mmCIF file of all heavy atoms, coordinates in Angstrom:
data_MODEL
# 
_entry.id   MODEL 
# 
loop_
_atom_site.group_PDB 
_atom_site.id 
_atom_site.type_symbol 
_atom_site.label_atom_id 
_atom_site.label_alt_id 
_atom_site.label_comp_id 
_atom_site.label_asym_id 
_atom_site.label_entity_id 
_atom_site.label_seq_id 
_atom_site.pdbx_PDB_ins_code 
_atom_site.Cartn_x 
_atom_site.Cartn_y 
_atom_site.Cartn_z 
_atom_site.occupancy 
_atom_site.B_iso_or_equiv 
_atom_site.pdbx_formal_charge 
_atom_site.auth_seq_id 
_atom_site.auth_comp_id 
_atom_site.auth_asym_id 
_atom_site.auth_atom_id 
_atom_site.pdbx_PDB_model_num 
ATOM 1   N N   . ASP A 1 1  ? -91.710  -198.121 121.678 1.00 0.00 ? 1  ASP A N   1 
ATOM 2   C CA  . ASP A 1 1  ? -92.809  -197.783 122.575 1.00 0.00 ? 1  ASP A CA  1 
ATOM 3   C C   . ASP A 1 1  ? -93.844  -198.899 122.667 1.00 0.00 ? 1  ASP A C   1 
ATOM 4   O O   . ASP A 1 1  ? -94.379  -199.169 123.739 1.00 0.00 ? 1  ASP A O   1 
ATOM 5   C CB  . ASP A 1 1  ? -93.482  -196.474 122.141 1.00 0.00 ? 1  ASP A CB  1 
ATOM 6   C CG  . ASP A 1 1  ? -92.599  -195.263 122.378 1.00 0.00 ? 1  ASP A CG  1 
ATOM 7   O OD1 . ASP A 1 1  ? -91.686  -195.338 123.226 1.00 0.00 ? 1  ASP A OD1 1 
ATOM 8   O OD2 . ASP A 1 1  ? -92.828  -194.232 121.714 1.00 0.00 ? 1  ASP A OD2 1 
ATOM 9   N N   . GLU A 1 2  ? -94.101  -199.548 121.535 1.00 0.00 ? 2  GLU A N   1 
ATOM 10  C CA  . GLU A 1 2  ? -95.047  -200.667 121.542 1.00 0.00 ? 2  GLU A CA  1 
ATOM 11  C C   . GLU A 1 2  ? -94.495  -201.847 122.350 1.00 0.00 ? 2  GLU A C   1 
ATOM 12  O O   . GLU A 1 2  ? -95.213  -202.467 123.141 1.00 0.00 ? 2  GLU A O   1 
ATOM 13  C CB  . GLU A 1 2  ? -95.370  -201.111 120.111 1.00 0.00 ? 2  GLU A CB  1 
ATOM 14  C CG  . GLU A 1 2  ? -96.178  -200.097 119.333 1.00 0.00 ? 2  GLU A CG  1 
ATOM 15  C CD  . GLU A 1 2  ? -96.237  -200.399 117.845 1.00 0.00 ? 2  GLU A CD  1 
ATOM 16  O OE1 . GLU A 1 2  ? -95.376  -201.151 117.329 1.00 0.00 ? 2  GLU A OE1 1 
ATOM 17  O OE2 . GLU A 1 2  ? -97.150  -199.874 117.191 1.00 0.00 ? 2  GLU A OE2 1 
ATOM 18  N N   . LEU A 1 3  ? -93.216  -202.120 122.149 1.00 0.00 ? 3  LEU A N   1 
ATOM 19  C CA  . LEU A 1 3  ? -92.583  -203.203 122.903 1.00 0.00 ? 3  LEU A CA  1 
ATOM 20  C C   . LEU A 1 3  ? -92.580  -202.903 124.394 1.00 0.00 ? 3  LEU A C   1 
ATOM 21  O O   . LEU A 1 3  ? -92.838  -203.778 125.224 1.00 0.00 ? 3  LEU A O   1 
ATOM 22  C CB  . LEU A 1 3  ? -91.155  -203.434 122.414 1.00 0.00 ? 3  LEU A CB  1 
ATOM 23  C CG  . LEU A 1 3  ? -91.011  -204.073 121.046 1.00 0.00 ? 3  LEU A CG  1 
ATOM 24  C CD1 . LEU A 1 3  ? -89.555  -204.059 120.610 1.00 0.00 ? 3  LEU A CD1 1 
ATOM 25  C CD2 . LEU A 1 3  ? -91.550  -205.491 121.079 1.00 0.00 ? 3  LEU A CD2 1 
ATOM 26  N N   . LEU A 1 4  ? -92.276  -201.657 124.738 1.00 0.00 ? 4  LEU A N   1 
ATOM 27  C CA  . LEU A 1 4  ? -92.269  -201.270 126.146 1.00 0.00 ? 4  LEU A CA  1 
ATOM 28  C C   . LEU A 1 4  ? -93.653  -201.433 126.763 1.00 0.00 ? 4  LEU A C   1 
ATOM 29  O O   . LEU A 1 4  ? -93.792  -201.984 127.859 1.00 0.00 ? 4  LEU A O   1 
ATOM 30  C CB  . LEU A 1 4  ? -91.784  -199.824 126.303 1.00 0.00 ? 4  LEU A CB  1 
ATOM 31  C CG  . LEU A 1 4  ? -91.779  -199.281 127.735 1.00 0.00 ? 4  LEU A CG  1 
ATOM 32  C CD1 . LEU A 1 4  ? -90.871  -200.110 128.632 1.00 0.00 ? 4  LEU A CD1 1 
ATOM 33  C CD2 . LEU A 1 4  ? -91.365  -197.823 127.737 1.00 0.00 ? 4  LEU A CD2 1 
ATOM 34  N N   . ALA A 1 5  ? -94.671  -200.990 126.059 1.00 0.00 ? 5  ALA A N   1 
ATOM 35  C CA  . ALA A 1 5  ? -96.041  -201.120 126.568 1.00 0.00 ? 5  ALA A CA  1 
ATOM 36  C C   . ALA A 1 5  ? -96.391  -202.588 126.789 1.00 0.00 ? 5  ALA A C   1 
ATOM 37  O O   . ALA A 1 5  ? -97.002  -202.934 127.810 1.00 0.00 ? 5  ALA A O   1 
ATOM 38  C CB  . ALA A 1 5  ? -97.026  -200.469 125.597 1.00 0.00 ? 5  ALA A CB  1 
ATOM 39  N N   . GLN A 1 6  ? -95.990  -203.445 125.869 1.00 0.00 ? 6  GLN A N   1 
ATOM 40  C CA  . GLN A 1 6  ? -96.251  -204.876 126.028 1.00 0.00 ? 6  GLN A CA  1 
ATOM 41  C C   . GLN A 1 6  ? -95.473  -205.444 127.210 1.00 0.00 ? 6  GLN A C   1 
ATOM 42  O O   . GLN A 1 6  ? -96.005  -206.225 127.998 1.00 0.00 ? 6  GLN A O   1 
ATOM 43  C CB  . GLN A 1 6  ? -95.883  -205.632 124.756 1.00 0.00 ? 6  GLN A CB  1 
ATOM 44  C CG  . GLN A 1 6  ? -96.797  -205.358 123.587 1.00 0.00 ? 6  GLN A CG  1 
ATOM 45  C CD  . GLN A 1 6  ? -96.317  -206.048 122.314 1.00 0.00 ? 6  GLN A CD  1 
ATOM 46  O OE1 . GLN A 1 6  ? -95.452  -206.907 122.342 1.00 0.00 ? 6  GLN A OE1 1 
ATOM 47  N NE2 . GLN A 1 6  ? -96.897  -205.648 121.192 1.00 0.00 ? 6  GLN A NE2 1 
ATOM 48  N N   . ALA A 1 7  ? -94.224  -205.051 127.332 1.00 0.00 ? 7  ALA A N   1 
ATOM 49  C CA  . ALA A 1 7  ? -93.383  -205.561 128.416 1.00 0.00 ? 7  ALA A CA  1 
ATOM 50  C C   . ALA A 1 7  ? -93.928  -205.145 129.780 1.00 0.00 ? 7  ALA A C   1 
ATOM 51  O O   . ALA A 1 7  ? -93.899  -205.924 130.730 1.00 0.00 ? 7  ALA A O   1 
ATOM 52  C CB  . ALA A 1 7  ? -91.946  -205.062 128.251 1.00 0.00 ? 7  ALA A CB  1 
ATOM 53  N N   . LEU A 1 8  ? -94.448  -203.923 129.868 1.00 0.00 ? 8  LEU A N   1 
ATOM 54  C CA  . LEU A 1 8  ? -94.969  -203.439 131.151 1.00 0.00 ? 8  LEU A CA  1 
ATOM 55  C C   . LEU A 1 8  ? -96.233  -204.165 131.577 1.00 0.00 ? 8  LEU A C   1 
ATOM 56  O O   . LEU A 1 8  ? -96.617  -204.110 132.755 1.00 0.00 ? 8  LEU A O   1 
ATOM 57  C CB  . LEU A 1 8  ? -95.204  -201.927 131.086 1.00 0.00 ? 8  LEU A CB  1 
ATOM 58  C CG  . LEU A 1 8  ? -93.934  -201.088 131.000 1.00 0.00 ? 8  LEU A CG  1 
ATOM 59  C CD1 . LEU A 1 8  ? -94.279  -199.623 130.794 1.00 0.00 ? 8  LEU A CD1 1 
ATOM 60  C CD2 . LEU A 1 8  ? -93.057  -201.284 132.221 1.00 0.00 ? 8  LEU A CD2 1 
ATOM 61  N N   . ARG A 1 9  ? -96.868  -204.853 130.666 1.00 0.00 ? 9  ARG A N   1 
ATOM 62  C CA  . ARG A 1 9  ? -98.058  -205.641 131.007 1.00 0.00 ? 9  ARG A CA  1 
ATOM 63  C C   . ARG A 1 9  ? -97.704  -207.035 131.521 1.00 0.00 ? 9  ARG A C   1 
ATOM 64  O O   . ARG A 1 9  ? -98.563  -207.759 131.994 1.00 0.00 ? 9  ARG A O   1 
ATOM 65  C CB  . ARG A 1 9  ? -98.995  -205.748 129.799 1.00 0.00 ? 9  ARG A CB  1 
ATOM 66  C CG  . ARG A 1 9  ? -99.711  -204.425 129.491 1.00 0.00 ? 9  ARG A CG  1 
ATOM 67  C CD  . ARG A 1 9  ? -100.853 -204.608 128.500 1.00 0.00 ? 9  ARG A CD  1 
ATOM 68  N NE  . ARG A 1 9  ? -100.415 -205.027 127.176 1.00 0.00 ? 9  ARG A NE  1 
ATOM 69  C CZ  . ARG A 1 9  ? -100.097 -204.212 126.170 1.00 0.00 ? 9  ARG A CZ  1 
ATOM 70  N NH1 . ARG A 1 9  ? -100.190 -202.901 126.337 1.00 0.00 ? 9  ARG A NH1 1 
ATOM 71  N NH2 . ARG A 1 9  ? -99.722  -204.685 125.004 1.00 0.00 ? 9  ARG A NH2 1 
ATOM 72  N N   . LEU A 1 10 ? -96.426  -207.404 131.436 1.00 0.00 ? 10 LEU A N   1 
ATOM 73  C CA  . LEU A 1 10 ? -95.993  -208.709 131.921 1.00 0.00 ? 10 LEU A CA  1 
ATOM 74  C C   . LEU A 1 10 ? -95.998  -208.746 133.445 1.00 0.00 ? 10 LEU A C   1 
ATOM 75  O O   . LEU A 1 10 ? -95.917  -207.717 134.112 1.00 0.00 ? 10 LEU A O   1 
ATOM 76  C CB  . LEU A 1 10 ? -94.566  -209.002 131.437 1.00 0.00 ? 10 LEU A CB  1 
ATOM 77  C CG  . LEU A 1 10 ? -94.362  -209.175 129.937 1.00 0.00 ? 10 LEU A CG  1 
ATOM 78  C CD1 . LEU A 1 10 ? -92.872  -209.242 129.627 1.00 0.00 ? 10 LEU A CD1 1 
ATOM 79  C CD2 . LEU A 1 10 ? -95.082  -210.412 129.436 1.00 0.00 ? 10 LEU A CD2 1 
ATOM 80  N N   . ALA A 1 11 ? -96.048  -209.951 133.979 1.00 0.00 ? 11 ALA A N   1 
ATOM 81  C CA  . ALA A 1 11 ? -95.930  -210.143 135.429 1.00 0.00 ? 11 ALA A CA  1 
ATOM 82  C C   . ALA A 1 11 ? -94.541  -209.675 135.868 1.00 0.00 ? 11 ALA A C   1 
ATOM 83  O O   . ALA A 1 11 ? -93.588  -209.718 135.076 1.00 0.00 ? 11 ALA A O   1 
ATOM 84  C CB  . ALA A 1 11 ? -96.127  -211.613 135.766 1.00 0.00 ? 11 ALA A CB  1 
ATOM 85  N N   . PRO A 1 12 ? -94.391  -209.224 137.107 1.00 0.00 ? 12 PRO A N   1 
ATOM 86  C CA  . PRO A 1 12 ? -93.088  -208.730 137.577 1.00 0.00 ? 12 PRO A CA  1 
ATOM 87  C C   . PRO A 1 12 ? -91.936  -209.710 137.340 1.00 0.00 ? 12 PRO A C   1 
ATOM 88  O O   . PRO A 1 12 ? -90.855  -209.293 136.927 1.00 0.00 ? 12 PRO A O   1 
ATOM 89  C CB  . PRO A 1 12 ? -93.320  -208.494 139.068 1.00 0.00 ? 12 PRO A CB  1 
ATOM 90  C CG  . PRO A 1 12 ? -94.781  -208.204 139.176 1.00 0.00 ? 12 PRO A CG  1 
ATOM 91  C CD  . PRO A 1 12 ? -95.423  -209.075 138.127 1.00 0.00 ? 12 PRO A CD  1 
ATOM 92  N N   . GLU A 1 13 ? -92.172  -210.993 137.581 1.00 0.00 ? 13 GLU A N   1 
ATOM 93  C CA  . GLU A 1 13 ? -91.103  -211.981 137.386 1.00 0.00 ? 13 GLU A CA  1 
ATOM 94  C C   . GLU A 1 13 ? -90.682  -212.050 135.919 1.00 0.00 ? 13 GLU A C   1 
ATOM 95  O O   . GLU A 1 13 ? -89.504  -212.171 135.606 1.00 0.00 ? 13 GLU A O   1 
ATOM 96  C CB  . GLU A 1 13 ? -91.553  -213.370 137.851 1.00 0.00 ? 13 GLU A CB  1 
ATOM 97  C CG  . GLU A 1 13 ? -91.943  -213.443 139.304 1.00 0.00 ? 13 GLU A CG  1 
ATOM 98  C CD  . GLU A 1 13 ? -93.384  -213.008 139.566 1.00 0.00 ? 13 GLU A CD  1 
ATOM 99  O OE1 . GLU A 1 13 ? -94.209  -213.006 138.619 1.00 0.00 ? 13 GLU A OE1 1 
ATOM 100 O OE2 . GLU A 1 13 ? -93.678  -212.652 140.712 1.00 0.00 ? 13 GLU A OE2 1 
ATOM 101 N N   . ASP A 1 14 ? -91.664  -211.966 135.025 1.00 0.00 ? 14 ASP A N   1 
ATOM 102 C CA  . ASP A 1 14 ? -91.355  -212.007 133.592 1.00 0.00 ? 14 ASP A CA  1 
ATOM 103 C C   . ASP A 1 14 ? -90.637  -210.744 133.140 1.00 0.00 ? 14 ASP A C   1 
ATOM 104 O O   . ASP A 1 14 ? -89.745  -210.795 132.292 1.00 0.00 ? 14 ASP A O   1 
ATOM 105 C CB  . ASP A 1 14 ? -92.627  -212.212 132.774 1.00 0.00 ? 14 ASP A CB  1 
ATOM 106 C CG  . ASP A 1 14 ? -93.235  -213.596 132.981 1.00 0.00 ? 14 ASP A CG  1 
ATOM 107 O OD1 . ASP A 1 14 ? -92.472  -214.542 133.284 1.00 0.00 ? 14 ASP A OD1 1 
ATOM 108 O OD2 . ASP A 1 14 ? -94.460  -213.733 132.848 1.00 0.00 ? 14 ASP A OD2 1 
ATOM 109 N N   . ARG A 1 15 ? -91.016  -209.592 133.702 1.00 0.00 ? 15 ARG A N   1 
ATOM 110 C CA  . ARG A 1 15 ? -90.311  -208.338 133.373 1.00 0.00 ? 15 ARG A CA  1 
ATOM 111 C C   . ARG A 1 15 ? -88.865  -208.411 133.829 1.00 0.00 ? 15 ARG A C   1 
ATOM 112 O O   . ARG A 1 15 ? -87.954  -207.984 133.113 1.00 0.00 ? 15 ARG A O   1 
ATOM 113 C CB  . ARG A 1 15 ? -91.023  -207.138 133.999 1.00 0.00 ? 15 ARG A CB  1 
ATOM 114 C CG  . ARG A 1 15 ? -92.324  -206.791 133.341 1.00 0.00 ? 15 ARG A CG  1 
ATOM 115 C CD  . ARG A 1 15 ? -92.841  -205.411 133.693 1.00 0.00 ? 15 ARG A CD  1 
ATOM 116 N NE  . ARG A 1 15 ? -92.747  -205.033 135.079 1.00 0.00 ? 15 ARG A NE  1 
ATOM 117 C CZ  . ARG A 1 15 ? -93.725  -205.197 135.984 1.00 0.00 ? 15 ARG A CZ  1 
ATOM 118 N NH1 . ARG A 1 15 ? -94.866  -205.743 135.627 1.00 0.00 ? 15 ARG A NH1 1 
ATOM 119 N NH2 . ARG A 1 15 ? -93.551  -204.806 137.224 1.00 0.00 ? 15 ARG A NH2 1 
ATOM 120 N N   . ALA A 1 16 ? -88.657  -208.964 135.027 1.00 0.00 ? 16 ALA A N   1 
ATOM 121 C CA  . ALA A 1 16 ? -87.285  -209.090 135.545 1.00 0.00 ? 16 ALA A CA  1 
ATOM 122 C C   . ALA A 1 16 ? -86.456  -210.003 134.652 1.00 0.00 ? 16 ALA A C   1 
ATOM 123 O O   . ALA A 1 16 ? -85.307  -209.691 134.319 1.00 0.00 ? 16 ALA A O   1 
ATOM 124 C CB  . ALA A 1 16 ? -87.311  -209.616 136.976 1.00 0.00 ? 16 ALA A CB  1 
ATOM 125 N N   . ARG A 1 17 ? -87.040  -211.119 134.238 1.00 0.00 ? 17 ARG A N   1 
ATOM 126 C CA  . ARG A 1 17 ? -86.330  -212.053 133.369 1.00 0.00 ? 17 ARG A CA  1 
ATOM 127 C C   . ARG A 1 17 ? -86.013  -211.391 132.029 1.00 0.00 ? 17 ARG A C   1 
ATOM 128 O O   . ARG A 1 17 ? -84.910  -211.515 131.497 1.00 0.00 ? 17 ARG A O   1 
ATOM 129 C CB  . ARG A 1 17 ? -87.167  -213.314 133.158 1.00 0.00 ? 17 ARG A CB  1 
ATOM 130 C CG  . ARG A 1 17 ? -86.409  -214.418 132.436 1.00 0.00 ? 17 ARG A CG  1 
ATOM 131 C CD  . ARG A 1 17 ? -87.197  -215.713 132.314 1.00 0.00 ? 17 ARG A CD  1 
ATOM 132 N NE  . ARG A 1 17 ? -87.736  -216.154 133.582 1.00 0.00 ? 17 ARG A NE  1 
ATOM 133 C CZ  . ARG A 1 17 ? -89.045  -216.278 133.840 1.00 0.00 ? 17 ARG A CZ  1 
ATOM 134 N NH1 . ARG A 1 17 ? -89.934  -216.025 132.907 1.00 0.00 ? 17 ARG A NH1 1 
ATOM 135 N NH2 . ARG A 1 17 ? -89.468  -216.684 135.019 1.00 0.00 ? 17 ARG A NH2 1 
ATOM 136 N N   . LEU A 1 18 ? -86.974  -210.660 131.478 1.00 0.00 ? 18 LEU A N   1 
ATOM 137 C CA  . LEU A 1 18 ? -86.769  -209.967 130.212 1.00 0.00 ? 18 LEU A CA  1 
ATOM 138 C C   . LEU A 1 18 ? -85.659  -208.918 130.346 1.00 0.00 ? 18 LEU A C   1 
ATOM 139 O O   . LEU A 1 18 ? -84.776  -208.825 129.485 1.00 0.00 ? 18 LEU A O   1 
ATOM 140 C CB  . LEU A 1 18 ? -88.068  -209.307 129.734 1.00 0.00 ? 18 LEU A CB  1 
ATOM 141 C CG  . LEU A 1 18 ? -87.984  -208.477 128.461 1.00 0.00 ? 18 LEU A CG  1 
ATOM 142 C CD1 . LEU A 1 18 ? -87.539  -209.331 127.283 1.00 0.00 ? 18 LEU A CD1 1 
ATOM 143 C CD2 . LEU A 1 18 ? -89.331  -207.824 128.171 1.00 0.00 ? 18 LEU A CD2 1 
ATOM 144 N N   . ALA A 1 19 ? -85.700  -208.150 131.423 1.00 0.00 ? 19 ALA A N   1 
ATOM 145 C CA  . ALA A 1 19 ? -84.675  -207.129 131.642 1.00 0.00 ? 19 ALA A CA  1 
ATOM 146 C C   . ALA A 1 19 ? -83.296  -207.770 131.732 1.00 0.00 ? 19 ALA A C   1 
ATOM 147 O O   . ALA A 1 19 ? -82.322  -207.281 131.136 1.00 0.00 ? 19 ALA A O   1 
ATOM 148 C CB  . ALA A 1 19 ? -84.983  -206.337 132.910 1.00 0.00 ? 19 ALA A CB  1 
ATOM 149 N N   . HIS A 1 20 ? -83.212  -208.867 132.450 1.00 0.00 ? 20 HIS A N   1 
ATOM 150 C CA  . HIS A 1 20 ? -81.930  -209.574 132.589 1.00 0.00 ? 20 HIS A CA  1 
ATOM 151 C C   . HIS A 1 20 ? -81.427  -210.051 131.226 1.00 0.00 ? 20 HIS A C   1 
ATOM 152 O O   . HIS A 1 20 ? -80.255  -209.869 130.887 1.00 0.00 ? 20 HIS A O   1 
ATOM 153 C CB  . HIS A 1 20 ? -82.100  -210.752 133.549 1.00 0.00 ? 20 HIS A CB  1 
ATOM 154 C CG  . HIS A 1 20 ? -80.854  -211.536 133.760 1.00 0.00 ? 20 HIS A CG  1 
ATOM 155 N ND1 . HIS A 1 20 ? -79.809  -211.079 134.530 1.00 0.00 ? 20 HIS A ND1 1 
ATOM 156 C CD2 . HIS A 1 20 ? -80.470  -212.746 133.282 1.00 0.00 ? 20 HIS A CD2 1 
ATOM 157 C CE1 . HIS A 1 20 ? -78.845  -211.965 134.511 1.00 0.00 ? 20 HIS A CE1 1 
ATOM 158 N NE2 . HIS A 1 20 ? -79.227  -212.993 133.767 1.00 0.00 ? 20 HIS A NE2 1 
ATOM 159 N N   . GLU A 1 21 ? -82.317  -210.635 130.447 1.00 0.00 ? 21 GLU A N   1 
ATOM 160 C CA  . GLU A 1 21 ? -81.921  -211.140 129.131 1.00 0.00 ? 21 GLU A CA  1 
ATOM 161 C C   . GLU A 1 21 ? -81.508  -210.006 128.192 1.00 0.00 ? 21 GLU A C   1 
ATOM 162 O O   . GLU A 1 21 ? -80.549  -210.145 127.418 1.00 0.00 ? 21 GLU A O   1 
ATOM 163 C CB  . GLU A 1 21 ? -83.047  -211.964 128.523 1.00 0.00 ? 21 GLU A CB  1 
ATOM 164 C CG  . GLU A 1 21 ? -83.266  -213.284 129.251 1.00 0.00 ? 21 GLU A CG  1 
ATOM 165 C CD  . GLU A 1 21 ? -84.478  -214.060 128.753 1.00 0.00 ? 21 GLU A CD  1 
ATOM 166 O OE1 . GLU A 1 21 ? -85.084  -213.676 127.733 1.00 0.00 ? 21 GLU A OE1 1 
ATOM 167 O OE2 . GLU A 1 21 ? -84.817  -215.064 129.407 1.00 0.00 ? 21 GLU A OE2 1 
ATOM 168 N N   . LEU A 1 22 ? -82.204  -208.874 128.274 1.00 0.00 ? 22 LEU A N   1 
ATOM 169 C CA  . LEU A 1 22 ? -81.826  -207.729 127.439 1.00 0.00 ? 22 LEU A CA  1 
ATOM 170 C C   . LEU A 1 22 ? -80.452  -207.200 127.839 1.00 0.00 ? 22 LEU A C   1 
ATOM 171 O O   . LEU A 1 22 ? -79.615  -206.898 126.974 1.00 0.00 ? 22 LEU A O   1 
ATOM 172 C CB  . LEU A 1 22 ? -82.880  -206.621 127.537 1.00 0.00 ? 22 LEU A CB  1 
ATOM 173 C CG  . LEU A 1 22 ? -84.193  -206.896 126.812 1.00 0.00 ? 22 LEU A CG  1 
ATOM 174 C CD1 . LEU A 1 22 ? -85.233  -205.844 127.190 1.00 0.00 ? 22 LEU A CD1 1 
ATOM 175 C CD2 . LEU A 1 22 ? -83.980  -206.937 125.312 1.00 0.00 ? 22 LEU A CD2 1 
ATOM 176 N N   . LEU A 1 23 ? -80.201  -207.091 129.133 1.00 0.00 ? 23 LEU A N   1 
ATOM 177 C CA  . LEU A 1 23 ? -78.890  -206.629 129.586 1.00 0.00 ? 23 LEU A CA  1 
ATOM 178 C C   . LEU A 1 23 ? -77.788  -207.596 129.182 1.00 0.00 ? 23 LEU A C   1 
ATOM 179 O O   . LEU A 1 23 ? -76.714  -207.180 128.750 1.00 0.00 ? 23 LEU A O   1 
ATOM 180 C CB  . LEU A 1 23 ? -78.894  -206.427 131.103 1.00 0.00 ? 23 LEU A CB  1 
ATOM 181 C CG  . LEU A 1 23 ? -79.678  -205.216 131.595 1.00 0.00 ? 23 LEU A CG  1 
ATOM 182 C CD1 . LEU A 1 23 ? -79.775  -205.226 133.115 1.00 0.00 ? 23 LEU A CD1 1 
ATOM 183 C CD2 . LEU A 1 23 ? -79.056  -203.924 131.100 1.00 0.00 ? 23 LEU A CD2 1 
ATOM 184 N N   . ASP A 1 24 ? -78.065  -208.883 129.312 1.00 0.00 ? 24 ASP A N   1 
ATOM 185 C CA  . ASP A 1 24 ? -77.080  -209.884 128.893 1.00 0.00 ? 24 ASP A CA  1 
ATOM 186 C C   . ASP A 1 24 ? -76.762  -209.776 127.411 1.00 0.00 ? 24 ASP A C   1 
ATOM 187 O O   . ASP A 1 24 ? -75.637  -210.054 126.987 1.00 0.00 ? 24 ASP A O   1 
ATOM 188 C CB  . ASP A 1 24 ? -77.577  -211.301 129.198 1.00 0.00 ? 24 ASP A CB  1 
ATOM 189 C CG  . ASP A 1 24 ? -77.328  -211.714 130.629 1.00 0.00 ? 24 ASP A CG  1 
ATOM 190 O OD1 . ASP A 1 24 ? -76.621  -210.991 131.356 1.00 0.00 ? 24 ASP A OD1 1 
ATOM 191 O OD2 . ASP A 1 24 ? -77.847  -212.781 131.023 1.00 0.00 ? 24 ASP A OD2 1 
ATOM 192 N N   . SER A 1 25 ? -77.745  -209.364 126.619 1.00 0.00 ? 25 SER A N   1 
ATOM 193 C CA  . SER A 1 25 ? -77.530  -209.286 125.173 1.00 0.00 ? 25 SER A CA  1 
ATOM 194 C C   . SER A 1 25 ? -76.608  -208.136 124.776 1.00 0.00 ? 25 SER A C   1 
ATOM 195 O O   . SER A 1 25 ? -76.143  -208.089 123.642 1.00 0.00 ? 25 SER A O   1 
ATOM 196 C CB  . SER A 1 25 ? -78.875  -209.130 124.456 1.00 0.00 ? 25 SER A CB  1 
ATOM 197 O OG  . SER A 1 25 ? -79.389  -207.810 124.602 1.00 0.00 ? 25 SER A OG  1 
# 
């Protein structure tokens, strides 16, 4: 939940990049 809250504060481009990297993992 803490990680999600931090991730949601990122810029849209950074969230997209993070989501892509998580899926790739």
